[in-house]
PDB file of N, CA and C in Angstrom:
ATOM      1  N   MET A   1      15.068   9.450  22.046  1.00  0.00           N
ATOM      2  CA  MET A   1      14.988  10.506  21.030  1.00  0.00           C
ATOM      3  C   MET A   1      13.859  10.084  20.192  1.00  0.00           C
ATOM      4  N   ASP A   2      12.954  10.961  20.132  1.00  0.00           N
ATOM      5  CA  ASP A   2      11.648  10.684  19.272  1.00  0.00           C
ATOM      6  C   ASP A   2      11.927  10.788  17.749  1.00  0.00           C
ATOM      7  N   LYS A   3      11.099  10.013  17.069  1.00  0.00           N
ATOM      8  CA  LYS A   3      11.110  10.040  15.509  1.00  0.00           C
ATOM      9  C   LYS A   3      10.531  11.272  15.143  1.00  0.00           C
ATOM     10  N   PRO A   4      11.125  11.873  14.176  1.00  0.00           N
ATOM     11  CA  PRO A   4      10.378  13.016  13.485  1.00  0.00           C
ATOM     12  C   PRO A   4       8.978  12.599  12.832  1.00  0.00           C
ATOM     13  N   PRO A   5       8.205  13.298  12.606  1.00  0.00           N
ATOM     14  CA  PRO A   5       7.037  12.993  12.048  1.00  0.00           C
ATOM     15  C   PRO A   5       7.205  12.707  10.421  1.00  0.00           C
ATOM     16  N   SER A   6       6.521  11.780   9.962  1.00  0.00           N
ATOM     17  CA  SER A   6       6.646  11.576   8.518  1.00  0.00           C
ATOM     18  C   SER A   6       6.161  12.789   7.755  1.00  0.00           C
ATOM     19  N   SER A   7       7.078  13.048   6.543  1.00  0.00           N
ATOM     20  CA  SER A   7       6.864  14.082   5.751  1.00  0.00           C
ATOM     21  C   SER A   7       6.141  13.815   4.422  1.00  0.00           C
ATOM     22  N   SER A   8       5.580  12.351   4.437  1.00  0.00           N
ATOM     23  CA  SER A   8       5.065  11.945   3.345  1.00  0.00           C
ATOM     24  C   SER A   8       3.533  12.451   3.056  1.00  0.00           C
ATOM     25  N   ARG A   9       3.508  12.772   1.620  1.00  0.00           N
ATOM     26  CA  ARG A   9       2.127  13.069   1.397  1.00  0.00           C
ATOM     27  C   ARG A   9       0.865  12.123   1.401  1.00  0.00           C
ATOM     28  N   SER A  10       1.499  10.800   1.633  1.00  0.00           N
ATOM     29  CA  SER A  10       0.734   9.845   1.840  1.00  0.00           C
ATOM     30  C   SER A  10      -0.331   9.581   3.329  1.00  0.00           C
ATOM     31  N   SER A  11       0.332  10.513   4.104  1.00  0.00           N
ATOM     32  CA  SER A  11      -0.260  10.305   5.489  1.00  0.00           C
ATOM     33  C   SER A  11      -1.882  10.121   5.611  1.00  0.00           C
ATOM     34  N   SER A  12      -2.439  10.634   4.698  1.00  0.00           N
ATOM     35  CA  SER A  12      -3.969  10.672   5.008  1.00  0.00           C
ATOM     36  C   SER A  12      -4.823   9.630   3.913  1.00  0.00           C
ATOM     37  N   SER A  13      -3.838   8.826   3.113  1.00  0.00           N
ATOM     38  CA  SER A  13      -4.434   7.932   2.283  1.00  0.00           C
ATOM     39  C   SER A  13      -4.313   6.461   2.761  1.00  0.00           C
ATOM     40  N   LEU A  14      -4.948   5.459   2.199  1.00  0.00           N
ATOM     41  CA  LEU A  14      -5.099   4.364   2.592  1.00  0.00           C
ATOM     42  C   LEU A  14      -3.810   3.499   1.743  1.00  0.00           C
ATOM     43  N   PHE A  15      -3.321   2.502   2.389  1.00  0.00           N
ATOM     44  CA  PHE A  15      -2.222   1.709   2.087  1.00  0.00           C
ATOM     45  C   PHE A  15      -2.509   0.144   1.646  1.00  0.00           C
ATOM     46  N   LEU A  16      -2.127  -0.252   0.709  1.00  0.00           N
ATOM     47  CA  LEU A  16      -2.514  -1.716   0.415  1.00  0.00           C
ATOM     48  C   LEU A  16      -1.149  -2.625   0.585  1.00  0.00           C
ATOM     49  N   ILE A  17      -1.469  -3.633   1.053  1.00  0.00           N
ATOM     50  CA  ILE A  17      -0.206  -4.656   1.523  1.00  0.00           C
ATOM     51  C   ILE A  17      -0.637  -5.887   0.792  1.00  0.00           C
ATOM     52  N   GLY A  18       0.311  -6.731   0.018  1.00  0.00           N
ATOM     53  CA  GLY A  18       0.334  -7.828  -0.653  1.00  0.00           C
ATOM     54  C   GLY A  18       1.412  -8.320  -1.129  1.00  0.00           C
ATOM     55  N   ARG A  19       1.240  -9.626  -1.811  1.00  0.00           N
ATOM     56  CA  ARG A  19       2.507 -10.040  -2.465  1.00  0.00           C
ATOM     57  C   ARG A  19       2.566  -9.991  -4.022  1.00  0.00           C
ATOM     58  N   ASN A  20       3.758  -9.655  -4.338  1.00  0.00           N
ATOM     59  CA  ASN A  20       3.771  -9.465  -5.741  1.00  0.00           C
ATOM     60  C   ASN A  20       3.909 -10.867  -6.385  1.00  0.00           C
ATOM     61  N   SER A  21       4.055 -10.871  -7.843  1.00  0.00           N
ATOM     62  CA  SER A  21       4.315 -12.129  -8.398  1.00  0.00           C
ATOM     63  C   SER A  21       5.367 -12.767  -8.096  1.00  0.00           C
ATOM     64  N   ARG A  22       6.429 -12.177  -7.518  1.00  0.00           N
ATOM     65  CA  ARG A  22       7.788 -12.794  -7.072  1.00  0.00           C
ATOM     66  C   ARG A  22       7.924 -13.449  -5.857  1.00  0.00           C
ATOM     67  N   GLY A  23       6.598 -13.135  -5.113  1.00  0.00           N
ATOM     68  CA  GLY A  23       6.575 -13.332  -3.704  1.00  0.00           C
ATOM     69  C   GLY A  23       7.193 -12.357  -2.759  1.00  0.00           C
ATOM     70  N   ASN A  24       7.467 -11.153  -3.180  1.00  0.00           N
ATOM     71  CA  ASN A  24       7.978 -10.112  -2.393  1.00  0.00           C
ATOM     72  C   ASN A  24       6.678  -9.464  -1.661  1.00  0.00           C
ATOM     73  N   TRP A  25       6.957  -9.032  -0.312  1.00  0.00           N
ATOM     74  CA  TRP A  25       5.797  -7.994   0.247  1.00  0.00           C
ATOM     75  C   TRP A  25       5.850  -6.775  -0.722  1.00  0.00           C
ATOM     76  N   VAL A  26       4.645  -6.197  -0.834  1.00  0.00           N
ATOM     77  CA  VAL A  26       4.667  -4.937  -1.478  1.00  0.00           C
ATOM     78  C   VAL A  26       3.830  -3.922  -0.590  1.00  0.00           C
ATOM     79  N   VAL A  27       3.995  -2.659  -0.585  1.00  0.00           N
ATOM     80  CA  VAL A  27       3.110  -1.665   0.076  1.00  0.00           C
ATOM     81  C   VAL A  27       3.054  -0.748  -0.911  1.00  0.00           C
ATOM     82  N   ARG A  28       1.766  -0.121  -1.184  1.00  0.00           N
ATOM     83  CA  ARG A  28       1.748   1.269  -1.751  1.00  0.00           C
ATOM     84  C   ARG A  28       0.645   1.990  -1.481  1.00  0.00           C
ATOM     85  N   ASP A  29       0.513   3.186  -1.501  1.00  0.00           N
ATOM     86  CA  ASP A  29      -0.562   4.022  -1.157  1.00  0.00           C
ATOM     87  C   ASP A  29      -1.610   4.056  -2.430  1.00  0.00           C
ATOM     88  N   GLN A  30      -2.912   4.070  -1.933  1.00  0.00           N
ATOM     89  CA  GLN A  30      -3.960   4.086  -2.952  1.00  0.00           C
ATOM     90  C   GLN A  30      -3.701   4.968  -4.247  1.00  0.00           C
ATOM     91  N   LYS A  31      -2.906   6.010  -4.086  1.00  0.00           N
ATOM     92  CA  LYS A  31      -2.633   6.818  -5.199  1.00  0.00           C
ATOM     93  C   LYS A  31      -1.412   6.484  -6.083  1.00  0.00           C
ATOM     94  N   GLY A  32      -0.617   5.355  -5.395  1.00  0.00           N
ATOM     95  CA  GLY A  32       0.426   5.091  -6.266  1.00  0.00           C
ATOM     96  C   GLY A  32       1.824   6.090  -6.089  1.00  0.00           C
ATOM     97  N   LEU A  33       1.748   7.027  -5.157  1.00  0.00           N
ATOM     98  CA  LEU A  33       2.747   7.856  -4.945  1.00  0.00           C
ATOM     99  C   LEU A  33       3.921   7.363  -4.023  1.00  0.00           C
ATOM    100  N   CYS A  34       3.457   6.384  -3.133  1.00  0.00           N
ATOM    101  CA  CYS A  34       4.446   6.061  -2.143  1.00  0.00           C
ATOM    102  C   CYS A  34       4.356   4.532  -2.075  1.00  0.00           C
ATOM    103  N   GLY A  35       5.487   3.598  -1.661  1.00  0.00           N
ATOM    104  CA  GLY A  35       5.500   2.453  -1.627  1.00  0.00           C
ATOM    105  C   GLY A  35       6.873   1.694  -1.470  1.00  0.00           C
ATOM    106  N   GLY A  36       6.765   0.612  -1.575  1.00  0.00           N
ATOM    107  CA  GLY A  36       8.090  -0.178  -1.473  1.00  0.00           C
ATOM    108  C   GLY A  36       7.968  -1.713  -1.277  1.00  0.00           C
ATOM    109  N   LEU A  37       9.256  -2.373  -1.565  1.00  0.00           N
ATOM    110  CA  LEU A  37       9.309  -3.868  -1.519  1.00  0.00           C
ATOM    111  C   LEU A  37       9.809  -4.114  -0.308  1.00  0.00           C
ATOM    112  N   PHE A  38       9.531  -5.380   0.471  1.00  0.00           N
ATOM    113  CA  PHE A  38       9.887  -5.693   1.688  1.00  0.00           C
ATOM    114  C   PHE A  38      10.256  -7.358   1.673  1.00  0.00           C
ATOM    115  N   VAL A  39      10.950  -7.683   2.474  1.00  0.00           N
ATOM    116  CA  VAL A  39      11.334  -9.007   2.665  1.00  0.00           C
ATOM    117  C   VAL A  39      10.246  -9.962   3.432  1.00  0.00           C
ATOM    118  N   ASP A  40       9.539  -9.042   4.452  1.00  0.00           N
ATOM    119  CA  ASP A  40       8.474  -9.762   5.259  1.00  0.00           C
ATOM    120  C   ASP A  40       7.386  -9.073   5.453  1.00  0.00           C
ATOM    121  N   ARG A  41       6.486  -9.609   5.856  1.00  0.00           N
ATOM    122  CA  ARG A  41       5.153  -9.036   6.170  1.00  0.00           C
ATOM    123  C   ARG A  41       4.918  -7.955   7.157  1.00  0.00           C
ATOM    124  N   ALA A  42       5.915  -8.140   8.385  1.00  0.00           N
ATOM    125  CA  ALA A  42       5.998  -7.445   9.541  1.00  0.00           C
ATOM    126  C   ALA A  42       6.854  -6.104   9.061  1.00  0.00           C
ATOM    127  N   GLU A  43       7.703  -6.160   8.206  1.00  0.00           N
ATOM    128  CA  GLU A  43       8.271  -4.838   7.825  1.00  0.00           C
ATOM    129  C   GLU A  43       7.388  -4.036   7.030  1.00  0.00           C
ATOM    130  N   ALA A  44       6.537  -4.847   6.066  1.00  0.00           N
ATOM    131  CA  ALA A  44       5.644  -4.099   5.259  1.00  0.00           C
ATOM    132  C   ALA A  44       4.510  -3.243   6.064  1.00  0.00           C
ATOM    133  N   VAL A  45       4.191  -3.894   7.111  1.00  0.00           N
ATOM    134  CA  VAL A  45       3.261  -3.363   7.857  1.00  0.00           C
ATOM    135  C   VAL A  45       3.668  -2.407   8.723  1.00  0.00           C
ATOM    136  N   LYS A  46       5.041  -2.470   9.154  1.00  0.00           N
ATOM    137  CA  LYS A  46       5.616  -1.336   9.940  1.00  0.00           C
ATOM    138  C   LYS A  46       5.852  -0.009   9.018  1.00  0.00           C
ATOM    139  N   PHE A  47       6.083  -0.252   7.688  1.00  0.00           N
ATOM    140  CA  PHE A  47       6.165   0.846   6.877  1.00  0.00           C
ATOM    141  C   PHE A  47       4.952   1.424   6.599  1.00  0.00           C
ATOM    142  N   ALA A  48       3.991   0.859   6.235  1.00  0.00           N
ATOM    143  CA  ALA A  48       2.557   1.264   6.187  1.00  0.00           C
ATOM    144  C   ALA A  48       1.910   2.102   7.261  1.00  0.00           C
ATOM    145  N   MET A  49       2.237   1.591   8.564  1.00  0.00           N
ATOM    146  CA  MET A  49       1.618   2.175   9.578  1.00  0.00           C
ATOM    147  C   MET A  49       2.593   3.468   9.846  1.00  0.00           C
ATOM    148  N   PHE A  50       3.691   3.739   9.696  1.00  0.00           N
ATOM    149  CA  PHE A  50       4.405   4.686   9.942  1.00  0.00           C
ATOM    150  C   PHE A  50       4.095   5.737   9.020  1.00  0.00           C
ATOM    151  N   GLU A  51       4.011   5.516   7.697  1.00  0.00           N
ATOM    152  CA  GLU A  51       3.700   6.360   6.570  1.00  0.00           C
ATOM    153  C   GLU A  51       2.346   6.813   6.756  1.00  0.00           C
ATOM    154  N   ASN A  52       1.096   6.210   7.289  1.00  0.00           N
ATOM    155  CA  ASN A  52      -0.080   6.739   7.430  1.00  0.00           C
ATOM    156  C   ASN A  52      -0.632   7.187   8.829  1.00  0.00           C
ATOM    157  N   GLY A  53       0.670   7.499   9.771  1.00  0.00           N
ATOM    158  CA  GLY A  53       0.059   7.870  10.942  1.00  0.00           C
ATOM    159  C   GLY A  53      -0.088   7.064  11.947  1.00  0.00           C
ATOM    160  N   HIS A  54       0.209   5.933  11.837  1.00  0.00           N
ATOM    161  CA  HIS A  54      -0.165   4.700  12.849  1.00  0.00           C
ATOM    162  C   HIS A  54      -1.782   4.553  12.781  1.00  0.00           C
ATOM    163  N   ARG A  55      -2.521   4.440  11.794  1.00  0.00           N
ATOM    164  CA  ARG A  55      -3.852   4.217  11.397  1.00  0.00           C
ATOM    165  C   ARG A  55      -4.160   2.871  11.039  1.00  0.00           C
ATOM    166  N   PRO A  56      -4.259   2.003  11.911  1.00  0.00           N
ATOM    167  CA  PRO A  56      -4.452   0.507  11.445  1.00  0.00           C
ATOM    168  C   PRO A  56      -5.830   0.443  10.447  1.00  0.00           C
ATOM    169  N   GLN A  57      -6.806   1.165  10.649  1.00  0.00           N
ATOM    170  CA  GLN A  57      -7.840   1.252   9.812  1.00  0.00           C
ATOM    171  C   GLN A  57      -7.535   1.393   8.328  1.00  0.00           C
ATOM    172  N   ALA A  58      -6.439   2.299   8.243  1.00  0.00           N
ATOM    173  CA  ALA A  58      -5.968   2.611   6.753  1.00  0.00           C
ATOM    174  C   ALA A  58      -5.090   1.786   6.086  1.00  0.00           C
ATOM    175  N   VAL A  59      -4.934   0.743   6.639  1.00  0.00           N
ATOM    176  CA  VAL A  59      -4.021  -0.619   5.956  1.00  0.00           C
ATOM    177  C   VAL A  59      -4.819  -1.645   5.566  1.00  0.00           C
ATOM    178  N   ILE A  60      -4.921  -1.728   4.375  1.00  0.00           N
ATOM    179  CA  ILE A  60      -5.689  -3.097   3.684  1.00  0.00           C
ATOM    180  C   ILE A  60      -4.705  -4.141   3.073  1.00  0.00           C
ATOM    181  N   MET A  61      -4.906  -5.353   3.654  1.00  0.00           N
ATOM    182  CA  MET A  61      -4.278  -6.696   3.026  1.00  0.00           C
ATOM    183  C   MET A  61      -4.974  -7.068   1.864  1.00  0.00           C
ATOM    184  N   VAL A  62      -4.041  -7.190   0.903  1.00  0.00           N
ATOM    185  CA  VAL A  62      -4.744  -7.397  -0.559  1.00  0.00           C
ATOM    186  C   VAL A  62      -4.585  -8.823  -0.697  1.00  0.00           C
ATOM    187  N   PRO A  63      -5.682  -9.712  -1.288  1.00  0.00           N
ATOM    188  CA  PRO A  63      -5.296 -11.136  -1.472  1.00  0.00           C
ATOM    189  C   PRO A  63      -5.030 -11.154  -3.105  1.00  0.00           C
ATOM    190  N   GLY A  64      -4.241 -12.129  -3.317  1.00  0.00           N
ATOM    191  CA  GLY A  64      -3.782 -12.211  -4.836  1.00  0.00           C
ATOM    192  C   GLY A  64      -2.608 -11.322  -5.043  1.00  0.00           C
ATOM    193  N   ILE A  65      -2.378 -11.059  -6.125  1.00  0.00           N
ATOM    194  CA  ILE A  65      -1.126 -10.367  -6.622  1.00  0.00           C
ATOM    195  C   ILE A  65      -1.339  -8.823  -6.660  1.00  0.00           C
ATOM    196  N   LEU A  66      -0.211  -8.055  -5.936  1.00  0.00           N
ATOM    197  CA  LEU A  66       0.034  -6.666  -5.829  1.00  0.00           C
ATOM    198  C   LEU A  66       1.346  -6.269  -6.358  1.00  0.00           C
ATOM    199  N   GLU A  67       1.307  -5.530  -7.566  1.00  0.00           N
ATOM    200  CA  GLU A  67       2.600  -5.404  -8.130  1.00  0.00           C
ATOM    201  C   GLU A  67       2.877  -3.786  -7.787  1.00  0.00           C
ATOM    202  N   LEU A  68       4.051  -3.500  -7.664  1.00  0.00           N
ATOM    203  CA  LEU A  68       4.504  -2.228  -7.475  1.00  0.00           C
ATOM    204  C   LEU A  68       4.851  -1.244  -8.558  1.00  0.00           C
ATOM    205  N   ASP A  69       4.395  -0.353  -8.968  1.00  0.00           N
ATOM    206  CA  ASP A  69       4.686   0.296 -10.129  1.00  0.00           C
ATOM    207  C   ASP A  69       5.675   1.548  -9.689  1.00  0.00           C
ATOM    208  N   MET A  70       6.911   1.411 -10.317  1.00  0.00           N
ATOM    209  CA  MET A  70       7.752   2.532 -10.033  1.00  0.00           C
ATOM    210  C   MET A  70       8.063   3.521 -11.105  1.00  0.00           C
ATOM    211  N   SER A  71       7.080   3.671 -12.036  1.00  0.00           N
ATOM    212  CA  SER A  71       6.999   4.701 -13.125  1.00  0.00           C
ATOM    213  C   SER A  71       6.944   6.111 -12.803  1.00  0.00           C
ATOM    214  N   GLY A  72       6.407   6.248 -11.528  1.00  0.00           N
ATOM    215  CA  GLY A  72       6.376   7.688 -11.154  1.00  0.00           C
ATOM    216  C   GLY A  72       4.953   8.320 -11.313  1.00  0.00           C
ATOM    217  N   LYS A  73       4.033   7.426 -12.011  1.00  0.00           N
ATOM    218  CA  LYS A  73       2.722   8.005 -12.541  1.00  0.00           C
ATOM    219  C   LYS A  73       1.808   7.525 -11.471  1.00  0.00           C
ATOM    220  N   PRO A  74       0.821   8.519 -10.765  1.00  0.00           N
ATOM    221  CA  PRO A  74      -0.118   8.218 -10.178  1.00  0.00           C
ATOM    222  C   PRO A  74      -1.072   7.043 -10.663  1.00  0.00           C
ATOM    223  N   ALA A  75      -1.584   6.197  -9.622  1.00  0.00           N
ATOM    224  CA  ALA A  75      -2.338   5.047 -10.299  1.00  0.00           C
ATOM    225  C   ALA A  75      -3.820   5.944 -10.636  1.00  0.00           C
ATOM    226  N   ALA A  76      -3.991   5.191 -11.791  1.00  0.00           N
ATOM    227  CA  ALA A  76      -5.403   5.871 -12.442  1.00  0.00           C
ATOM    228  C   ALA A  76      -6.413   4.845 -11.891  1.00  0.00           C
ATOM    229  N   SER A  77      -6.077   3.485 -11.725  1.00  0.00           N
ATOM    230  CA  SER A  77      -7.162   2.797 -11.237  1.00  0.00           C
ATOM    231  C   SER A  77      -6.495   1.382 -10.401  1.00  0.00           C
ATOM    232  N   GLY A  78      -6.980   1.009  -9.568  1.00  0.00           N
ATOM    233  CA  GLY A  78      -6.357  -0.047  -8.784  1.00  0.00           C
ATOM    234  C   GLY A  78      -6.188  -1.307  -9.619  1.00  0.00           C
ATOM    235  N   GLU A  79      -7.076  -1.503 -10.615  1.00  0.00           N
ATOM    236  CA  GLU A  79      -7.010  -2.760 -11.347  1.00  0.00           C
ATOM    237  C   GLU A  79      -5.788  -2.933 -12.054  1.00  0.00           C
ATOM    238  N   ALA A  80      -5.121  -1.806 -12.471  1.00  0.00           N
ATOM    239  CA  ALA A  80      -3.772  -1.930 -13.530  1.00  0.00           C
ATOM    240  C   ALA A  80      -2.815  -2.301 -12.547  1.00  0.00           C
ATOM    241  N   LYS A  81      -2.799  -2.041 -11.351  1.00  0.00           N
ATOM    242  CA  LYS A  81      -1.637  -1.993 -10.396  1.00  0.00           C
ATOM    243  C   LYS A  81      -1.804  -3.271  -9.545  1.00  0.00           C
ATOM    244  N   THR A  82      -2.820  -3.840  -9.449  1.00  0.00           N
ATOM    245  CA  THR A  82      -3.113  -4.890  -8.511  1.00  0.00           C
ATOM    246  C   THR A  82      -3.411  -6.295  -8.908  1.00  0.00           C
ATOM    247  N   GLY A  83      -3.274  -6.496 -10.331  1.00  0.00           N
ATOM    248  CA  GLY A  83      -3.489  -7.675 -11.161  1.00  0.00           C
ATOM    249  C   GLY A  83      -4.783  -8.305 -10.646  1.00  0.00           C
ATOM    250  N   HIS A  84      -4.804  -9.534 -10.046  1.00  0.00           N
ATOM    251  CA  HIS A  84      -5.962 -10.426  -9.828  1.00  0.00           C
ATOM    252  C   HIS A  84      -6.664  -9.743  -8.853  1.00  0.00           C
ATOM    253  N   ALA A  85      -6.081  -8.985  -7.969  1.00  0.00           N
ATOM    254  CA  ALA A  85      -6.631  -8.660  -6.803  1.00  0.00           C
ATOM    255  C   ALA A  85      -7.394  -7.251  -6.895  1.00  0.00           C
ATOM    256  N   GLY A  86      -7.179  -6.713  -7.898  1.00  0.00           N
ATOM    257  CA  GLY A  86      -7.777  -5.228  -8.324  1.00  0.00           C
ATOM    258  C   GLY A  86      -9.193  -5.132  -7.752  1.00  0.00           C
ATOM    259  N   ALA A  87     -10.167  -6.060  -8.414  1.00  0.00           N
ATOM    260  CA  ALA A  87     -11.455  -5.730  -7.828  1.00  0.00           C
ATOM    261  C   ALA A  87     -11.852  -5.848  -6.318  1.00  0.00           C
ATOM    262  N   ASP A  88     -10.972  -6.710  -5.613  1.00  0.00           N
ATOM    263  CA  ASP A  88     -10.971  -6.959  -4.271  1.00  0.00           C
ATOM    264  C   ASP A  88     -10.633  -5.785  -3.539  1.00  0.00           C
ATOM    265  N   ALA A  89      -9.658  -5.197  -4.069  1.00  0.00           N
ATOM    266  CA  ALA A  89      -8.896  -4.184  -3.261  1.00  0.00           C
ATOM    267  C   ALA A  89      -9.783  -2.833  -3.513  1.00  0.00           C
ATOM    268  N   GLN A  90     -10.514  -2.683  -4.732  1.00  0.00           N
ATOM    269  CA  GLN A  90     -11.096  -1.557  -4.975  1.00  0.00           C
ATOM    270  C   GLN A  90     -12.376  -1.475  -3.924  1.00  0.00           C
ATOM    271  N   HIS A  91     -13.038  -2.755  -3.840  1.00  0.00           N
ATOM    272  CA  HIS A  91     -13.922  -2.808  -2.863  1.00  0.00           C
ATOM    273  C   HIS A  91     -13.624  -2.548  -1.443  1.00  0.00           C
ATOM    274  N   ALA A  92     -12.537  -3.106  -1.099  1.00  0.00           N
ATOM    275  CA  ALA A  92     -11.917  -2.877   0.450  1.00  0.00           C
ATOM    276  C   ALA A  92     -11.808  -1.419   0.423  1.00  0.00           C
ATOM    277  N   LEU A  93     -11.140  -0.664  -0.773  1.00  0.00           N
ATOM    278  CA  LEU A  93     -11.088   0.920  -0.432  1.00  0.00           C
ATOM    279  C   LEU A  93     -12.308   1.520  -0.379  1.00  0.00           C
ATOM    280  N   ALA A  94     -13.423   0.983  -1.039  1.00  0.00           N
ATOM    281  CA  ALA A  94     -14.630   1.896  -0.935  1.00  0.00           C
ATOM    282  C   ALA A  94     -15.095   1.671   0.218  1.00  0.00           C
ATOM    283  N   ARG A  95     -15.213   0.508   0.888  1.00  0.00           N
ATOM    284  CA  ARG A  95     -15.580   0.225   2.329  1.00  0.00           C
ATOM    285  C   ARG A  95     -14.697   1.131   3.153  1.00  0.00           C
ATOM    286  N   ALA A  96     -13.666   1.307   3.364  1.00  0.00           N
ATOM    287  CA  ALA A  96     -12.788   1.790   4.165  1.00  0.00           C
ATOM    288  C   ALA A  96     -12.752   3.303   4.111  1.00  0.00           C
ATOM    289  N   ALA A  97     -13.217   3.868   2.983  1.00  0.00           N
ATOM    290  CA  ALA A  97     -13.259   5.227   2.737  1.00  0.00           C
ATOM    291  C   ALA A  97     -14.471   5.848   3.408  1.00  0.00           C
TER     292      ALA A  97
END
């Protein structure tokens, strides 16, 4: 049985993967609308790939701290959401876009 296509609005955006300050794996899209916490890197990558339509070029590993904001507000800037890795993530997003 085939999996239904993802109904995510984030299928066209980039996904960031990294660890939060507690050591959990975090995935979030660049807009801050979709994401989650994962127990290991493999599950985080699997989620990001499914949500973005299986496009590995749209998945960015973030060095440093990546926090997941569950406030429901779209991310205004990567710096506020990514902690120390904000500048690196923004440069990676700019290169990937």
